[in-house]
Amino acid sequence: MSTNSFRDNMNASLDQAKVKAQRIFRITMWSLLIAGILFGIGYFIYRTYPKSQSEQTGTLFKLAYDGYVFKTYEGQLHLIGSAMITSQSTWNFSIKDENTYNELQQYVGKTVKLYYKELPETALPWQGKTPYIVFKVEPLQ
């Protein structure tokens, strides 16, 4: 009889330990899930919220729809004030959407003023290859 009561106590203790372990596991998993979601939202906001907004003036000489997995609109501007096209006198940028890209196609080879937003780092893959996202173009005479 004492063996059965000992066994019953052990089984009860094991059952309580299992329930407690399951509860701790469940709380841990929910906490990790919530923390992961909050981190993901914060990271997305950080990578998409513009650091600054500015403009750049020059001759538009290249536009492309580029990429393997994420197709993005890209362009290059030859900055005003430099006689030759070099890596120091060109400015690479990404284009926000197809409408802006279509508008820019009209001005290839012409002097333009581009309005852009600068992101904290290189944009997310589907936003472009540079941290400079052009959203508006204005032709200059």
Protein backbone atom coordinates (compact mmCIF):
# COMPACT_ATOMS: atom_id res chain seq x y z
CA MET A 1 0.00 0.00 0.00
CA SER A 2 2.83 2.38 0.74
CA THR A 3 4.29 1.62 -2.69
CA ASN A 4 1.04 2.60 -4.41
CA SER A 5 0.75 5.87 -2.49
CA PHE A 6 4.37 6.69 -3.31
CA ARG A 7 3.67 5.96 -6.98
CA ASP A 8 0.50 8.04 -6.89
CA ASN A 9 2.41 10.96 -5.35
CA MET A 10 5.12 10.67 -8.03
CA ASN A 11 2.53 10.54 -10.82
CA ALA A 12 0.76 13.57 -9.37
CA SER A 13 4.06 15.43 -9.08
CA LEU A 14 4.99 14.53 -12.68
CA ASP A 15 1.58 15.65 -13.93
CA GLN A 16 1.96 18.97 -12.12
CA ALA A 17 5.46 19.41 -13.55
CA LYS A 18 4.17 18.67 -17.08
CA VAL A 19 1.37 21.22 -16.72
CA LYS A 20 3.81 23.82 -15.38
CA ALA A 21 6.33 23.12 -18.18
CA GLN A 22 3.58 23.42 -20.82
CA ARG A 23 2.44 26.71 -19.31
CA ILE A 24 5.98 28.12 -19.27
CA PHE A 25 6.53 26.92 -22.85
CA ARG A 26 3.26 28.53 -24.01
CA ILE A 27 4.08 31.85 -22.31
CA THR A 28 7.60 31.82 -23.78
CA MET A 29 6.37 31.11 -27.30
CA TRP A 30 3.71 33.84 -27.16
CA SER A 31 6.27 36.31 -25.79
CA LEU A 32 8.71 35.49 -28.59
CA LEU A 33 5.97 35.80 -31.21
CA ILE A 34 4.84 39.20 -29.91
CA ALA A 35 8.44 40.44 -29.62
CA GLY A 36 9.17 39.26 -33.18
CA ILE A 37 6.11 41.02 -34.57
CA LEU A 38 6.95 44.27 -32.73
CA PHE A 39 10.57 44.09 -33.91
CA GLY A 40 9.43 43.47 -37.50
CA ILE A 41 7.05 46.44 -37.44
CA GLY A 42 9.72 48.70 -35.93
CA TYR A 43 12.34 47.59 -38.45
CA PHE A 44 9.95 48.13 -41.37
CA ILE A 45 9.12 51.65 -40.16
CA TYR A 46 12.82 52.42 -39.68
CA ARG A 47 13.71 51.24 -43.19
CA THR A 48 10.84 53.04 -44.95
CA TYR A 49 10.59 56.33 -43.02
CA PRO A 50 12.60 59.02 -44.87
CA LYS A 51 15.62 60.56 -43.15
CA SER A 52 15.48 63.70 -45.31
CA GLN A 53 13.83 65.20 -48.34
CA SER A 54 15.81 67.19 -50.89
CA GLU A 55 16.43 67.86 -54.57
CA GLN A 56 19.20 67.29 -57.09
CA THR A 57 19.76 69.08 -60.42
CA GLY A 58 21.52 67.74 -63.50
CA THR A 59 21.18 66.06 -66.88
CA LEU A 60 19.20 62.86 -66.86
CA PHE A 61 21.12 60.31 -68.92
CA LYS A 62 20.05 56.83 -67.86
CA LEU A 63 16.82 55.09 -66.85
CA ALA A 64 16.34 51.38 -66.35
CA TYR A 65 13.83 48.80 -65.13
CA ASP A 66 16.26 46.48 -63.38
CA GLY A 67 16.47 43.48 -61.08
CA TYR A 68 16.26 39.68 -60.94
CA VAL A 69 13.63 39.01 -58.28
CA PHE A 70 12.50 42.53 -57.40
CA LYS A 71 12.20 44.68 -60.52
CA THR A 72 12.83 48.32 -59.66
CA TYR A 73 13.12 51.59 -61.56
CA GLU A 74 16.64 53.04 -61.45
CA GLY A 75 18.29 56.10 -62.96
CA GLN A 76 21.45 58.22 -63.18
CA LEU A 77 21.86 61.97 -63.25
CA HIS A 78 24.94 63.84 -64.49
CA LEU A 79 25.36 66.63 -61.94
CA ILE A 80 25.54 70.23 -63.10
CA GLY A 81 28.98 71.80 -62.85
CA SER A 82 31.10 68.88 -64.05
CA ALA A 83 32.38 68.71 -67.62
CA MET A 84 32.90 64.94 -67.91
CA ILE A 85 30.78 62.03 -66.80
CA THR A 86 32.70 60.26 -64.03
CA SER A 87 31.63 58.25 -61.00
CA GLN A 88 32.03 61.39 -58.87
CA SER A 89 29.79 63.47 -61.15
CA THR A 90 26.94 60.97 -61.46
CA TRP A 91 24.18 60.48 -58.97
CA ASN A 92 22.37 57.13 -58.81
CA PHE A 93 18.77 57.05 -57.68
CA SER A 94 15.72 54.81 -57.49
CA ILE A 95 12.28 55.80 -58.70
CA LYS A 96 9.19 55.48 -56.55
CA ASP A 97 6.61 54.26 -59.06
CA GLU A 98 5.81 53.65 -62.71
CA ASN A 99 4.11 57.04 -63.20
CA THR A 100 7.25 58.91 -62.11
CA TYR A 101 9.35 56.62 -64.33
CA ASN A 102 7.14 57.34 -67.35
CA GLU A 103 7.38 61.08 -66.65
CA LEU A 104 11.18 60.85 -66.37
CA GLN A 105 11.42 59.06 -69.75
CA GLN A 106 10.30 62.29 -71.44
CA TYR A 107 13.35 64.13 -70.06
CA VAL A 108 16.24 61.76 -70.84
CA GLY A 109 19.12 63.94 -72.12
CA LYS A 110 17.61 67.10 -70.66
CA THR A 111 18.34 69.13 -67.53
CA VAL A 112 15.92 68.37 -64.71
CA LYS A 113 15.42 68.93 -61.00
CA LEU A 114 14.62 65.71 -59.13
CA TYR A 115 12.88 65.72 -55.77
CA TYR A 116 13.74 62.75 -53.59
CA LYS A 117 13.48 61.25 -50.14
CA GLU A 118 16.59 59.79 -48.52
CA LEU A 119 16.08 56.64 -46.49
CA PRO A 120 18.36 55.79 -43.52
CA GLU A 121 20.01 52.91 -45.39
CA THR A 122 19.76 51.29 -48.78
CA ALA A 123 16.10 50.81 -49.51
CA LEU A 124 14.35 47.48 -49.05
CA PRO A 125 14.81 45.27 -52.14
CA TRP A 126 11.41 46.11 -53.64
CA GLN A 127 11.99 49.88 -53.20
CA GLY A 128 15.19 50.19 -55.21
CA LYS A 129 18.96 49.80 -55.12
CA THR A 130 19.79 53.18 -53.55
CA PRO A 131 18.58 55.06 -50.47
CA TYR A 132 17.48 57.94 -52.75
CA ILE A 133 13.86 57.52 -53.86
CA VAL A 134 12.76 60.06 -56.50
CA PHE A 135 9.09 60.97 -56.32
CA LYS A 136 8.85 64.11 -58.50
CA VAL A 137 10.59 65.61 -61.55
CA GLU A 138 10.65 69.18 -62.81
CA PRO A 139 12.18 70.12 -66.19
CA LEU A 140 14.55 73.10 -66.32
CA GLN A 141 15.03 75.41 -69.30
